[in-house]
Amino acid sequence: MEELTLTTPALLFSAISLIMLAYTNRFLAYAAIIRNLHDKYQKEKDSVLIAQIKNIKHRLYLTRSMQIFGITSLLFCVLTMFLIYIQQHTIAVWVFGLALILLILSLAFLIWEIQISVKALEHHINDIENK
């Protein structure tokens, strides 16, 4: 294996930053949806709204996990760069490996959240098609 250099973990900075921007946009969209559902629920206590609220709550928690793993991955990339800087190459390799695993987990949570989002949208499509 080639030696880990400062540029290797630095390459992930832009990728992780873009991913975090996408995660933040999802989070803000969920916040708007939750406020909207809250207002609707205050007007009418509909069981469909309760199901939607449970679904969005689950997706919100998945998004939080995606963000936590993504941010931790970025922190470990920075730590890797510091370890390389202070000539701790063996530890740096392990920390960078952990950063990659955390990024993989973040992306796996994204796939899970997308699956739930598609199922939620399918319910709306089916409702429209059945009318």
N, C-alpha and C. Protein backbone atom coordinates (compact mmCIF):
# COMPACT_ATOMS: atom_id res chain seq x y z
N MET A 1 0.84 -1.19 0.00
CA MET A 1 0.00 0.00 0.00
C MET A 1 0.88 1.25 0.00
N GLU A 2 0.46 2.23 -0.77
CA GLU A 2 1.20 3.49 -0.78
C GLU A 2 0.99 4.21 0.54
N GLU A 3 1.93 5.07 0.86
CA GLU A 3 1.84 5.82 2.10
C GLU A 3 0.72 6.86 2.01
N LEU A 4 0.02 7.02 3.10
CA LEU A 4 -1.05 8.00 3.20
C LEU A 4 -0.43 9.40 3.28
N THR A 5 -0.88 10.30 2.42
CA THR A 5 -0.37 11.67 2.42
C THR A 5 -1.47 12.64 2.83
N LEU A 6 -1.11 13.87 3.05
CA LEU A 6 -2.08 14.89 3.45
C LEU A 6 -3.18 15.09 2.42
N THR A 7 -2.88 14.87 1.16
CA THR A 7 -3.88 15.12 0.12
C THR A 7 -4.99 14.08 0.11
N THR A 8 -4.71 12.87 0.56
CA THR A 8 -5.74 11.82 0.52
C THR A 8 -6.96 12.17 1.38
N PRO A 9 -6.82 12.45 2.68
CA PRO A 9 -8.00 12.84 3.44
C PRO A 9 -8.55 14.20 3.01
N ALA A 10 -7.69 15.06 2.50
CA ALA A 10 -8.16 16.38 2.06
C ALA A 10 -9.10 16.27 0.88
N LEU A 11 -8.94 15.23 0.07
CA LEU A 11 -9.82 15.02 -1.08
C LEU A 11 -11.28 14.81 -0.65
N LEU A 12 -11.47 14.25 0.52
CA LEU A 12 -12.84 14.00 0.99
C LEU A 12 -13.54 15.26 1.47
N PHE A 13 -12.81 16.33 1.72
CA PHE A 13 -13.42 17.55 2.25
C PHE A 13 -14.55 18.06 1.37
N SER A 14 -14.29 18.19 0.08
CA SER A 14 -15.33 18.74 -0.79
C SER A 14 -16.50 17.78 -0.91
N ALA A 15 -16.23 16.48 -0.99
CA ALA A 15 -17.31 15.50 -1.09
C ALA A 15 -18.18 15.52 0.17
N ILE A 16 -17.54 15.49 1.32
CA ILE A 16 -18.30 15.48 2.57
C ILE A 16 -19.05 16.80 2.75
N SER A 17 -18.45 17.90 2.34
CA SER A 17 -19.12 19.20 2.45
C SER A 17 -20.38 19.23 1.60
N LEU A 18 -20.32 18.71 0.38
CA LEU A 18 -21.50 18.67 -0.47
C LEU A 18 -22.57 17.74 0.09
N ILE A 19 -22.13 16.62 0.63
CA ILE A 19 -23.09 15.69 1.25
C ILE A 19 -23.77 16.35 2.44
N MET A 20 -22.99 17.06 3.25
CA MET A 20 -23.58 17.73 4.41
C MET A 20 -24.57 18.82 3.99
N LEU A 21 -24.28 19.50 2.90
CA LEU A 21 -25.22 20.50 2.38
C LEU A 21 -26.52 19.84 1.98
N ALA A 22 -26.44 18.70 1.30
CA ALA A 22 -27.65 17.97 0.91
C ALA A 22 -28.42 17.50 2.15
N TYR A 23 -27.70 17.01 3.16
CA TYR A 23 -28.36 16.57 4.39
C TYR A 23 -29.05 17.74 5.09
N THR A 24 -28.40 18.87 5.11
CA THR A 24 -28.99 20.06 5.75
C THR A 24 -30.24 20.50 5.01
N ASN A 25 -30.21 20.45 3.69
CA ASN A 25 -31.40 20.80 2.92
C ASN A 25 -32.55 19.85 3.21
N ARG A 26 -32.25 18.56 3.36
CA ARG A 26 -33.29 17.58 3.74
C ARG A 26 -33.86 17.94 5.11
N PHE A 27 -32.98 18.25 6.03
CA PHE A 27 -33.40 18.58 7.38
C PHE A 27 -34.32 19.81 7.39
N LEU A 28 -33.95 20.83 6.65
CA LEU A 28 -34.77 22.05 6.58
C LEU A 28 -36.12 21.77 5.92
N ALA A 29 -36.13 20.91 4.91
CA ALA A 29 -37.40 20.55 4.27
C ALA A 29 -38.29 19.81 5.27
N TYR A 30 -37.70 18.91 6.05
CA TYR A 30 -38.48 18.19 7.06
C TYR A 30 -39.03 19.13 8.11
N ALA A 31 -38.24 20.11 8.50
CA ALA A 31 -38.71 21.08 9.49
C ALA A 31 -39.94 21.82 8.97
N ALA A 32 -39.93 22.21 7.71
CA ALA A 32 -41.08 22.90 7.13
C ALA A 32 -42.29 21.97 7.06
N ILE A 33 -42.07 20.72 6.68
CA ILE A 33 -43.16 19.75 6.61
C ILE A 33 -43.75 19.50 7.99
N ILE A 34 -42.89 19.38 8.98
CA ILE A 34 -43.37 19.13 10.35
C ILE A 34 -44.21 20.31 10.85
N ARG A 35 -43.75 21.53 10.58
CA ARG A 35 -44.54 22.70 11.00
C ARG A 35 -45.90 22.71 10.30
N ASN A 36 -45.91 22.35 9.03
CA ASN A 36 -47.16 22.29 8.27
C ASN A 36 -48.09 21.22 8.84
N LEU A 37 -47.54 20.03 9.09
CA LEU A 37 -48.34 18.94 9.66
C LEU A 37 -48.85 19.31 11.05
N HIS A 38 -48.04 20.00 11.82
CA HIS A 38 -48.46 20.44 13.15
C HIS A 38 -49.67 21.36 13.06
N ASP A 39 -49.61 22.33 12.15
CA ASP A 39 -50.73 23.25 11.98
C ASP A 39 -52.00 22.52 11.54
N LYS A 40 -51.85 21.57 10.59
CA LYS A 40 -53.00 20.79 10.13
C LYS A 40 -53.57 19.96 11.27
N TYR A 41 -52.68 19.36 12.08
CA TYR A 41 -53.14 18.51 13.17
C TYR A 41 -53.87 19.32 14.25
N GLN A 42 -53.44 20.56 14.46
CA GLN A 42 -54.12 21.41 15.43
C GLN A 42 -55.56 21.70 15.00
N LYS A 43 -55.78 21.77 13.69
CA LYS A 43 -57.11 22.06 13.16
C LYS A 43 -58.00 20.81 13.15
N GLU A 44 -57.44 19.69 12.74
CA GLU A 44 -58.19 18.43 12.70
C GLU A 44 -57.31 17.27 13.13
N LYS A 45 -57.78 16.49 14.06
CA LYS A 45 -57.01 15.36 14.60
C LYS A 45 -57.25 14.13 13.73
N ASP A 46 -56.61 14.10 12.58
CA ASP A 46 -56.80 13.04 11.59
C ASP A 46 -55.75 11.95 11.79
N SER A 47 -56.18 10.67 11.69
CA SER A 47 -55.26 9.55 11.87
C SER A 47 -54.22 9.49 10.74
N VAL A 48 -54.58 9.96 9.55
CA VAL A 48 -53.63 10.01 8.44
C VAL A 48 -52.49 10.96 8.78
N LEU A 49 -52.82 12.08 9.40
CA LEU A 49 -51.79 13.04 9.80
C LEU A 49 -50.85 12.44 10.84
N ILE A 50 -51.41 11.65 11.75
CA ILE A 50 -50.57 11.01 12.77
C ILE A 50 -49.59 10.04 12.11
N ALA A 51 -50.05 9.28 11.12
CA ALA A 51 -49.16 8.37 10.40
C ALA A 51 -48.08 9.15 9.65
N GLN A 52 -48.44 10.26 9.04
CA GLN A 52 -47.45 11.09 8.34
C GLN A 52 -46.43 11.66 9.32
N ILE A 53 -46.90 12.07 10.48
CA ILE A 53 -46.01 12.64 11.50
C ILE A 53 -45.02 11.57 11.98
N LYS A 54 -45.50 10.34 12.20
CA LYS A 54 -44.59 9.26 12.61
C LYS A 54 -43.55 8.97 11.53
N ASN A 55 -44.00 8.98 10.28
CA ASN A 55 -43.08 8.72 9.17
C ASN A 55 -42.01 9.80 9.09
N ILE A 56 -42.42 11.05 9.16
CA ILE A 56 -41.45 12.15 9.03
C ILE A 56 -40.52 12.18 10.24
N LYS A 57 -41.04 11.79 11.41
CA LYS A 57 -40.19 11.74 12.60
C LYS A 57 -39.09 10.71 12.42
N HIS A 58 -39.45 9.55 11.88
CA HIS A 58 -38.45 8.51 11.63
C HIS A 58 -37.41 9.00 10.63
N ARG A 59 -37.85 9.64 9.57
CA ARG A 59 -36.94 10.17 8.56
C ARG A 59 -36.05 11.27 9.14
N LEU A 60 -36.59 12.07 10.03
CA LEU A 60 -35.82 13.13 10.68
C LEU A 60 -34.69 12.54 11.51
N TYR A 61 -34.99 11.48 12.26
CA TYR A 61 -33.95 10.83 13.06
C TYR A 61 -32.88 10.16 12.19
N LEU A 62 -33.30 9.61 11.06
CA LEU A 62 -32.31 9.05 10.13
C LEU A 62 -31.41 10.15 9.59
N THR A 63 -32.00 11.29 9.27
CA THR A 63 -31.21 12.42 8.76
C THR A 63 -30.24 12.90 9.83
N ARG A 64 -30.67 12.93 11.06
CA ARG A 64 -29.76 13.30 12.15
C ARG A 64 -28.58 12.33 12.21
N SER A 65 -28.85 11.03 12.09
CA SER A 65 -27.77 10.05 12.10
C SER A 65 -26.84 10.23 10.91
N MET A 66 -27.41 10.52 9.74
CA MET A 66 -26.60 10.77 8.55
C MET A 66 -25.66 11.95 8.81
N GLN A 67 -26.19 13.01 9.40
CA GLN A 67 -25.39 14.19 9.67
C GLN A 67 -24.29 13.90 10.69
N ILE A 68 -24.64 13.20 11.74
CA ILE A 68 -23.66 12.89 12.79
C ILE A 68 -22.51 12.06 12.23
N PHE A 69 -22.83 11.00 11.47
CA PHE A 69 -21.78 10.17 10.90
C PHE A 69 -20.95 10.94 9.87
N GLY A 70 -21.60 11.80 9.08
CA GLY A 70 -20.88 12.60 8.09
C GLY A 70 -19.93 13.59 8.74
N ILE A 71 -20.41 14.28 9.77
CA ILE A 71 -19.57 15.25 10.47
C ILE A 71 -18.42 14.56 11.18
N THR A 72 -18.69 13.43 11.80
CA THR A 72 -17.64 12.68 12.49
C THR A 72 -16.59 12.19 11.49
N SER A 73 -17.05 11.78 10.33
CA SER A 73 -16.11 11.38 9.28
C SER A 73 -15.20 12.53 8.90
N LEU A 74 -15.77 13.72 8.74
CA LEU A 74 -14.97 14.90 8.41
C LEU A 74 -13.97 15.21 9.53
N LEU A 75 -14.41 15.11 10.78
CA LEU A 75 -13.50 15.35 11.91
C LEU A 75 -12.35 14.34 11.91
N PHE A 76 -12.65 13.09 11.59
CA PHE A 76 -11.60 12.08 11.56
C PHE A 76 -10.65 12.33 10.40
N CYS A 77 -11.15 12.88 9.29
CA CYS A 77 -10.25 13.25 8.19
C CYS A 77 -9.28 14.34 8.63
N VAL A 78 -9.79 15.31 9.37
CA VAL A 78 -8.93 16.38 9.90
C VAL A 78 -7.92 15.80 10.88
N LEU A 79 -8.38 14.91 11.74
CA LEU A 79 -7.48 14.26 12.69
C LEU A 79 -6.41 13.46 11.94
N THR A 80 -6.80 12.79 10.87
CA THR A 80 -5.84 12.06 10.05
C THR A 80 -4.75 12.99 9.52
N MET A 81 -5.17 14.14 9.02
CA MET A 81 -4.20 15.11 8.50
C MET A 81 -3.25 15.57 9.60
N PHE A 82 -3.78 15.80 10.80
CA PHE A 82 -2.94 16.20 11.92
C PHE A 82 -1.94 15.10 12.27
N LEU A 83 -2.43 13.85 12.30
CA LEU A 83 -1.56 12.73 12.63
C LEU A 83 -0.45 12.56 11.59
N ILE A 84 -0.78 12.78 10.33
CA ILE A 84 0.25 12.73 9.28
C ILE A 84 1.26 13.86 9.51
N TYR A 85 0.75 15.02 9.85
CA TYR A 85 1.61 16.19 10.09
C TYR A 85 2.62 15.95 11.21
N ILE A 86 2.15 15.25 12.27
CA ILE A 86 3.06 14.99 13.40
C ILE A 86 3.76 13.63 13.28
N GLN A 87 3.77 13.08 12.05
CA GLN A 87 4.51 11.86 11.73
C GLN A 87 3.99 10.60 12.45
N GLN A 88 2.70 10.52 12.69
CA GLN A 88 2.09 9.34 13.30
C GLN A 88 1.33 8.57 12.21
N HIS A 89 2.05 8.05 11.24
CA HIS A 89 1.45 7.48 10.04
C HIS A 89 0.61 6.23 10.31
N THR A 90 1.05 5.37 11.19
CA THR A 90 0.29 4.14 11.45
C THR A 90 -1.07 4.47 12.05
N ILE A 91 -1.08 5.35 13.03
CA ILE A 91 -2.35 5.76 13.65
C ILE A 91 -3.22 6.50 12.62
N ALA A 92 -2.58 7.31 11.79
CA ALA A 92 -3.31 8.07 10.77
C ALA A 92 -4.05 7.15 9.81
N VAL A 93 -3.41 6.06 9.42
CA VAL A 93 -4.05 5.10 8.52
C VAL A 93 -5.30 4.51 9.16
N TRP A 94 -5.22 4.15 10.42
CA TRP A 94 -6.37 3.58 11.12
C TRP A 94 -7.49 4.61 11.30
N VAL A 95 -7.12 5.82 11.64
CA VAL A 95 -8.12 6.88 11.83
C VAL A 95 -8.81 7.19 10.49
N PHE A 96 -8.02 7.22 9.42
CA PHE A 96 -8.61 7.48 8.11
C PHE A 96 -9.54 6.34 7.70
N GLY A 97 -9.15 5.11 8.01
CA GLY A 97 -10.03 3.97 7.75
C GLY A 97 -11.34 4.10 8.49
N LEU A 98 -11.28 4.55 9.74
CA LEU A 98 -12.48 4.77 10.53
C LEU A 98 -13.33 5.89 9.91
N ALA A 99 -12.68 6.93 9.41
CA ALA A 99 -13.40 8.02 8.75
C ALA A 99 -14.16 7.50 7.54
N LEU A 100 -13.53 6.61 6.78
CA LEU A 100 -14.20 6.04 5.61
C LEU A 100 -15.39 5.18 6.02
N ILE A 101 -15.24 4.41 7.09
CA ILE A 101 -16.35 3.58 7.59
C ILE A 101 -17.51 4.47 8.02
N LEU A 102 -17.21 5.56 8.71
CA LEU A 102 -18.27 6.48 9.14
C LEU A 102 -18.98 7.11 7.94
N LEU A 103 -18.23 7.43 6.91
CA LEU A 103 -18.84 7.97 5.70
C LEU A 103 -19.73 6.93 5.03
N ILE A 104 -19.28 5.69 5.02
CA ILE A 104 -20.10 4.60 4.47
C ILE A 104 -21.40 4.47 5.26
N LEU A 105 -21.32 4.54 6.58
CA LEU A 105 -22.53 4.47 7.42
C LEU A 105 -23.48 5.63 7.13
N SER A 106 -22.92 6.81 6.97
CA SER A 106 -23.73 7.98 6.65
C SER A 106 -24.49 7.77 5.35
N LEU A 107 -23.81 7.25 4.35
CA LEU A 107 -24.44 7.01 3.05
C LEU A 107 -25.45 5.86 3.13
N ALA A 108 -25.18 4.86 3.97
CA ALA A 108 -26.14 3.77 4.15
C ALA A 108 -27.43 4.29 4.78
N PHE A 109 -27.31 5.19 5.76
CA PHE A 109 -28.50 5.80 6.35
C PHE A 109 -29.26 6.63 5.31
N LEU A 110 -28.53 7.25 4.40
CA LEU A 110 -29.17 8.00 3.32
C LEU A 110 -30.01 7.07 2.44
N ILE A 111 -29.46 5.92 2.10
CA ILE A 111 -30.21 4.95 1.29
C ILE A 111 -31.47 4.51 2.03
N TRP A 112 -31.35 4.24 3.31
CA TRP A 112 -32.49 3.83 4.13
C TRP A 112 -33.56 4.92 4.14
N GLU A 113 -33.13 6.15 4.34
CA GLU A 113 -34.06 7.28 4.39
C GLU A 113 -34.75 7.48 3.04
N ILE A 114 -34.02 7.31 1.95
CA ILE A 114 -34.61 7.46 0.62
C ILE A 114 -35.68 6.39 0.40
N GLN A 115 -35.42 5.17 0.85
CA GLN A 115 -36.42 4.10 0.72
C GLN A 115 -37.72 4.47 1.45
N ILE A 116 -37.60 5.00 2.63
CA ILE A 116 -38.78 5.40 3.40
C ILE A 116 -39.49 6.56 2.71
N SER A 117 -38.73 7.51 2.18
CA SER A 117 -39.32 8.65 1.48
C SER A 117 -40.11 8.21 0.26
N VAL A 118 -39.56 7.28 -0.49
CA VAL A 118 -40.26 6.78 -1.68
C VAL A 118 -41.56 6.09 -1.29
N LYS A 119 -41.52 5.28 -0.24
CA LYS A 119 -42.74 4.61 0.22
C LYS A 119 -43.80 5.62 0.64
N ALA A 120 -43.39 6.69 1.31
CA ALA A 120 -44.33 7.73 1.73
C ALA A 120 -44.97 8.41 0.51
N LEU A 121 -44.16 8.68 -0.49
CA LEU A 121 -44.68 9.31 -1.71
C LEU A 121 -45.59 8.36 -2.48
N GLU A 122 -45.27 7.06 -2.46
CA GLU A 122 -46.12 6.07 -3.12
C GLU A 122 -47.53 6.07 -2.52
N HIS A 123 -47.63 6.28 -1.21
CA HIS A 123 -48.95 6.34 -0.57
C HIS A 123 -49.76 7.50 -1.13
N HIS A 124 -49.11 8.63 -1.33
CA HIS A 124 -49.80 9.79 -1.90
C HIS A 124 -50.20 9.53 -3.33
N ILE A 125 -49.33 8.91 -4.10
CA ILE A 125 -49.65 8.60 -5.50
C ILE A 125 -50.82 7.62 -5.57
N ASN A 126 -50.78 6.59 -4.73
CA ASN A 126 -51.89 5.62 -4.71
C ASN A 126 -53.20 6.28 -4.33
N ASP A 127 -53.14 7.22 -3.40
CA ASP A 127 -54.34 7.95 -2.97
C ASP A 127 -54.91 8.75 -4.15
N ILE A 128 -54.06 9.36 -4.94
CA ILE A 128 -54.51 10.13 -6.10
C ILE A 128 -55.07 9.19 -7.17
N GLU A 129 -54.39 8.09 -7.42
CA GLU A 129 -54.83 7.15 -8.46
C GLU A 129 -56.14 6.47 -8.12
N ASN A 130 -56.42 6.30 -6.83
CA ASN A 130 -57.65 5.60 -6.41
C ASN A 130 -58.87 6.51 -6.36
N LYS A 131 -58.68 7.78 -6.61
CA LYS A 131 -59.83 8.70 -6.57
C LYS A 131 -60.42 8.89 -7.92
